[in-house]
C-alpha cells in the first residue's frame, strides 16, 4: 500500500483509509490511483452507474 500511495502522490494513511472504506476519495485521488494501476476511471464509474437503479429528483 505504501508503494501505491507513493506512486499516486497520496498520503499512505489516506490510501489505507480509502481501502478500508473509511473515507471517500476525491476524483483527483481516484484518478491518481487509477493511473498507477493502469485503469480508466471513466469505465469504473460507468459500470457502477449502470448497475444502480435510477431515481427521479422527486423521489429523493
N, C-alpha and C. Protein backbone atom coordinates (compact mmCIF):
# COMPACT_ATOMS: atom_id res chain seq x y z
N UNK A 1 0.82 -1.19 0.00
CA UNK A 1 0.00 0.00 0.00
C UNK A 1 0.87 1.25 0.00
N UNK A 2 1.96 1.22 0.74
CA UNK A 2 2.84 2.39 0.82
C UNK A 2 3.40 2.74 -0.56
N UNK A 3 3.76 1.72 -1.33
CA UNK A 3 4.34 1.96 -2.65
C UNK A 3 3.28 2.56 -3.59
N UNK A 4 2.07 2.01 -3.57
CA UNK A 4 0.99 2.54 -4.38
C UNK A 4 0.71 4.00 -4.02
N UNK A 5 0.62 4.27 -2.73
CA UNK A 5 0.35 5.63 -2.27
C UNK A 5 1.44 6.59 -2.74
N UNK A 6 2.68 6.15 -2.62
CA UNK A 6 3.81 6.99 -3.04
C UNK A 6 3.75 7.29 -4.53
N UNK A 7 3.50 6.25 -5.33
CA UNK A 7 3.43 6.44 -6.78
C UNK A 7 2.27 7.35 -7.18
N UNK A 8 1.18 7.27 -6.43
CA UNK A 8 0.00 8.09 -6.74
C UNK A 8 0.08 9.48 -6.13
N UNK A 9 1.07 9.71 -5.27
CA UNK A 9 1.20 11.01 -4.63
C UNK A 9 0.16 11.23 -3.54
N UNK A 10 -0.23 10.13 -2.90
CA UNK A 10 -1.25 10.17 -1.86
C UNK A 10 -0.61 9.77 -0.54
N UNK A 11 -1.01 10.41 0.53
CA UNK A 11 -0.53 10.04 1.86
C UNK A 11 -0.91 8.59 2.12
N UNK A 12 0.00 7.81 2.67
CA UNK A 12 -0.26 6.39 2.90
C UNK A 12 -1.44 6.17 3.84
N UNK A 13 -1.59 7.00 4.85
CA UNK A 13 -2.73 6.86 5.76
C UNK A 13 -4.05 7.12 5.03
N UNK A 14 -4.03 8.06 4.11
CA UNK A 14 -5.22 8.33 3.31
C UNK A 14 -5.54 7.13 2.44
N UNK A 15 -4.54 6.54 1.81
CA UNK A 15 -4.75 5.37 0.96
C UNK A 15 -5.33 4.20 1.76
N UNK A 16 -4.83 4.01 2.95
CA UNK A 16 -5.32 2.93 3.81
C UNK A 16 -6.79 3.18 4.18
N UNK A 17 -7.11 4.41 4.52
CA UNK A 17 -8.49 4.74 4.90
C UNK A 17 -9.44 4.60 3.71
N UNK A 18 -8.95 4.91 2.51
CA UNK A 18 -9.76 4.72 1.30
C UNK A 18 -10.02 3.23 1.10
N UNK A 19 -8.97 2.43 1.22
CA UNK A 19 -9.09 0.98 1.03
C UNK A 19 -10.07 0.37 2.02
N UNK A 20 -10.07 0.86 3.24
CA UNK A 20 -10.96 0.33 4.29
C UNK A 20 -12.38 0.88 4.19
N UNK A 21 -12.59 1.83 3.28
CA UNK A 21 -13.91 2.41 3.13
C UNK A 21 -14.25 3.42 4.21
N UNK A 22 -13.23 3.95 4.87
CA UNK A 22 -13.44 4.90 5.96
C UNK A 22 -13.63 6.33 5.45
N UNK A 23 -13.10 6.61 4.26
CA UNK A 23 -13.26 7.92 3.64
C UNK A 23 -13.53 7.74 2.15
N UNK A 24 -14.12 8.74 1.56
CA UNK A 24 -14.35 8.74 0.12
C UNK A 24 -13.31 9.66 -0.52
N UNK A 25 -12.56 9.13 -1.48
CA UNK A 25 -11.53 9.96 -2.12
C UNK A 25 -12.13 10.97 -3.08
N UNK A 26 -11.39 12.03 -3.32
CA UNK A 26 -11.78 12.98 -4.36
C UNK A 26 -11.55 12.33 -5.71
N UNK A 27 -12.14 12.89 -6.73
CA UNK A 27 -11.94 12.37 -8.07
C UNK A 27 -10.47 12.46 -8.48
N UNK A 28 -9.78 13.50 -8.02
CA UNK A 28 -8.36 13.65 -8.33
C UNK A 28 -7.55 12.49 -7.74
N UNK A 29 -7.87 12.10 -6.52
CA UNK A 29 -7.16 10.98 -5.88
C UNK A 29 -7.51 9.67 -6.59
N UNK A 30 -8.78 9.49 -6.93
CA UNK A 30 -9.20 8.28 -7.66
C UNK A 30 -8.44 8.20 -8.98
N UNK A 31 -8.34 9.32 -9.66
CA UNK A 31 -7.64 9.36 -10.94
C UNK A 31 -6.15 9.04 -10.77
N UNK A 32 -5.52 9.57 -9.75
CA UNK A 32 -4.10 9.31 -9.50
C UNK A 32 -3.86 7.84 -9.22
N UNK A 33 -4.71 7.24 -8.40
CA UNK A 33 -4.56 5.81 -8.08
C UNK A 33 -4.84 4.97 -9.32
N UNK A 34 -5.86 5.34 -10.09
CA UNK A 34 -6.18 4.61 -11.31
C UNK A 34 -5.03 4.66 -12.30
N UNK A 35 -4.39 5.81 -12.42
CA UNK A 35 -3.24 5.94 -13.32
C UNK A 35 -2.13 4.96 -12.94
N UNK A 36 -1.85 4.87 -11.65
CA UNK A 36 -0.81 3.95 -11.17
C UNK A 36 -1.21 2.50 -11.48
N UNK A 37 -2.49 2.19 -11.31
CA UNK A 37 -2.97 0.82 -11.53
C UNK A 37 -3.20 0.51 -13.00
N UNK A 38 -3.16 1.55 -13.84
CA UNK A 38 -3.35 1.34 -15.27
C UNK A 38 -4.80 1.09 -15.67
N UNK A 39 -5.73 1.67 -14.93
CA UNK A 39 -7.15 1.53 -15.27
C UNK A 39 -7.75 2.90 -15.56
N UNK A 40 -8.86 2.89 -16.28
CA UNK A 40 -9.54 4.13 -16.61
C UNK A 40 -10.65 4.40 -15.60
N UNK A 41 -10.69 5.57 -15.07
CA UNK A 41 -11.71 5.95 -14.10
C UNK A 41 -13.09 5.95 -14.74
N UNK A 42 -13.21 6.40 -15.95
CA UNK A 42 -14.49 6.50 -16.62
C UNK A 42 -15.18 5.15 -16.70
N UNK A 43 -14.44 4.12 -16.98
CA UNK A 43 -15.04 2.79 -17.06
C UNK A 43 -15.56 2.33 -15.71
N UNK A 44 -14.84 2.59 -14.65
CA UNK A 44 -15.27 2.18 -13.33
C UNK A 44 -16.53 2.93 -12.92
N UNK A 45 -16.60 4.19 -13.22
CA UNK A 45 -17.78 4.98 -12.88
C UNK A 45 -18.96 4.55 -13.73
N UNK A 46 -18.73 4.37 -15.00
CA UNK A 46 -19.80 4.00 -15.91
C UNK A 46 -20.42 2.67 -15.51
N UNK A 47 -19.63 1.66 -15.23
CA UNK A 47 -20.19 0.37 -14.88
C UNK A 47 -20.91 0.44 -13.54
N UNK A 48 -20.47 1.27 -12.62
CA UNK A 48 -21.14 1.42 -11.34
C UNK A 48 -22.49 2.11 -11.53
N UNK A 49 -22.55 3.11 -12.37
CA UNK A 49 -23.80 3.83 -12.63
C UNK A 49 -24.82 2.90 -13.29
N UNK A 50 -24.37 2.10 -14.21
CA UNK A 50 -25.29 1.21 -14.92
C UNK A 50 -25.89 0.15 -14.01
N UNK A 51 -25.23 -0.19 -12.93
CA UNK A 51 -25.72 -1.21 -12.01
C UNK A 51 -26.68 -0.65 -10.97
N UNK A 52 -26.75 0.65 -10.81
CA UNK A 52 -27.61 1.26 -9.80
C UNK A 52 -28.96 1.64 -10.40
N UNK A 53 -30.03 1.39 -9.65
CA UNK A 53 -31.33 1.84 -10.15
C UNK A 53 -31.38 3.35 -10.18
N UNK A 54 -32.11 3.90 -11.12
CA UNK A 54 -32.20 5.37 -11.22
C UNK A 54 -33.36 5.88 -10.39
N UNK A 55 -33.23 7.11 -9.95
CA UNK A 55 -34.24 7.78 -9.16
C UNK A 55 -34.49 9.15 -9.75
N UNK A 56 -35.73 9.55 -9.80
CA UNK A 56 -36.00 10.91 -10.24
C UNK A 56 -35.76 11.85 -9.07
N UNK A 57 -35.62 13.12 -9.35
CA UNK A 57 -35.40 14.10 -8.28
C UNK A 57 -36.58 14.14 -7.33
N UNK A 58 -37.80 13.85 -7.80
CA UNK A 58 -38.98 13.87 -6.95
C UNK A 58 -38.94 12.75 -5.90
N UNK A 59 -38.25 11.65 -6.21
CA UNK A 59 -38.19 10.51 -5.29
C UNK A 59 -37.18 10.72 -4.18
N UNK A 60 -36.30 11.70 -4.31
CA UNK A 60 -35.22 11.90 -3.33
C UNK A 60 -35.66 12.67 -2.15
